Amino acid sequence: FADAAILATLDEFERHDPIVFHQHMPKLAIDQYQYDRQMIEIYDAADHNPGMAWSYIMTSEQVYHLQGSLLPDGQWHPPSGPSVSPRQESSNLRHP
């Protein structure tokens, strides 16, 4: 990014909402279940490596405790039915 401060904004956006987190997982410490931003190698569908990208990672333990869902094709597909706002979509991603 031209302005590295955008990463702080993204980090804040990717954090779990403490109220929602504790409603779903009251016995877990939220600090242990936040995402970790890492620079990773990326690949396209043809297995070409166009470079590196920032990614938000969580451990397998975090996925298990937060009842995460496997995305076999690597793509998030919003629920079908009435239209979903982007904020609702991101809320669903962060709080399964």
Protein backbone atom coordinates (compact mmCIF):
# COMPACT_ATOMS: atom_id res chain seq x y z
CA PHE A 1 0.00 0.00 0.00
CA ALA A 2 1.18 3.53 -0.68
CA ASP A 3 0.14 4.46 2.87
CA ALA A 4 1.17 1.82 5.43
CA ALA A 5 -1.40 3.24 7.89
CA ILE A 6 -4.08 1.38 5.94
CA LEU A 7 -2.81 -1.85 7.53
CA ALA A 8 -3.85 -0.58 10.97
CA THR A 9 -7.33 0.11 9.59
CA LEU A 10 -7.52 -3.38 8.08
CA ASP A 11 -6.29 -4.96 11.31
CA GLU A 12 -9.04 -3.18 13.24
CA PHE A 13 -11.67 -4.29 10.70
CA GLU A 14 -10.55 -7.92 10.95
CA ARG A 15 -10.74 -8.04 14.74
CA HIS A 16 -13.58 -9.94 16.35
CA ASP A 17 -16.27 -7.81 17.95
CA PRO A 18 -15.76 -8.53 21.69
CA ILE A 19 -19.49 -8.52 22.50
CA VAL A 20 -20.41 -10.94 19.71
CA PHE A 21 -17.36 -13.11 20.43
CA HIS A 22 -18.29 -13.51 24.10
CA GLN A 23 -21.93 -14.26 23.22
CA HIS A 24 -20.76 -17.23 21.15
CA MET A 25 -17.69 -18.26 23.16
CA PRO A 26 -18.10 -16.98 26.74
CA LYS A 27 -15.31 -19.13 28.21
CA LEU A 28 -12.60 -18.21 25.69
CA ALA A 29 -10.15 -15.30 25.93
CA ILE A 30 -10.61 -13.09 22.86
CA ASP A 31 -6.90 -12.17 22.67
CA GLN A 32 -6.06 -15.80 21.88
CA TYR A 33 -8.54 -15.90 19.00
CA GLN A 34 -7.75 -12.84 16.94
CA TYR A 35 -6.40 -13.14 13.42
CA ASP A 36 -2.69 -12.80 12.69
CA ARG A 37 -1.73 -10.73 9.61
CA GLN A 38 1.04 -12.40 7.60
CA MET A 39 2.66 -11.89 4.20
CA ILE A 40 2.13 -15.11 2.19
CA GLU A 41 2.88 -16.37 -1.30
CA ILE A 42 -0.21 -16.48 -3.51
CA TYR A 43 -1.09 -18.61 -6.55
CA ASP A 44 -3.68 -18.26 -9.29
CA ALA A 45 -5.90 -21.04 -10.67
CA ALA A 46 -3.12 -22.08 -13.09
CA ASP A 47 -0.71 -22.47 -10.14
CA HIS A 48 1.35 -19.42 -11.17
CA ASN A 49 2.86 -17.37 -8.37
CA PRO A 50 2.20 -13.67 -9.06
CA GLY A 51 3.85 -12.64 -5.79
CA MET A 52 3.02 -11.99 -2.16
CA ALA A 53 -0.09 -10.67 -0.40
CA TRP A 54 -1.21 -9.83 3.11
CA SER A 55 -3.47 -12.49 4.61
CA TYR A 56 -5.28 -12.88 7.91
CA ILE A 57 -4.53 -16.28 9.42
CA MET A 58 -6.01 -18.18 12.34
CA THR A 59 -4.81 -21.43 13.88
CA SER A 60 -6.68 -24.73 13.43
CA GLU A 61 -7.54 -24.53 17.13
CA GLN A 62 -9.12 -21.12 16.60
CA VAL A 63 -11.15 -22.43 13.64
CA TYR A 64 -12.36 -25.37 15.73
CA HIS A 65 -13.34 -23.29 18.77
CA LEU A 66 -15.05 -20.64 16.65
CA GLN A 67 -16.88 -23.33 14.64
CA GLY A 68 -15.38 -22.16 11.35
CA SER A 69 -16.51 -23.52 8.01
CA LEU A 70 -14.37 -24.99 5.24
CA LEU A 71 -14.49 -23.04 1.97
CA PRO A 72 -13.47 -25.78 -0.50
CA ASP A 73 -13.06 -23.38 -3.42
CA GLY A 74 -11.51 -20.67 -1.27
CA GLN A 75 -14.35 -18.26 -2.02
CA TRP A 76 -16.89 -16.83 0.42
CA HIS A 77 -20.40 -17.05 -1.00
CA PRO A 78 -23.00 -14.95 0.81
CA PRO A 79 -26.10 -16.73 2.05
CA SER A 80 -28.87 -17.00 -0.49
CA GLY A 81 -32.15 -15.28 0.15
CA PRO A 82 -32.78 -11.63 0.97
CA SER A 83 -29.95 -9.33 0.04
CA VAL A 84 -27.10 -9.11 2.54
CA SER A 85 -25.25 -5.88 3.18
CA PRO A 86 -21.42 -5.94 2.99
CA ARG A 87 -21.27 -5.28 6.74
CA GLN A 88 -23.52 -8.28 7.43
CA GLU A 89 -21.35 -10.38 5.12
CA SER A 90 -18.15 -9.41 6.92
CA SER A 91 -19.87 -10.02 10.25
CA ASN A 92 -20.77 -13.53 9.11
CA LEU A 93 -17.16 -14.15 8.09
CA ARG A 94 -15.74 -13.06 11.39
CA HIS A 95 -18.39 -14.60 13.63
CA PRO A 96 -19.53 -17.95 12.24
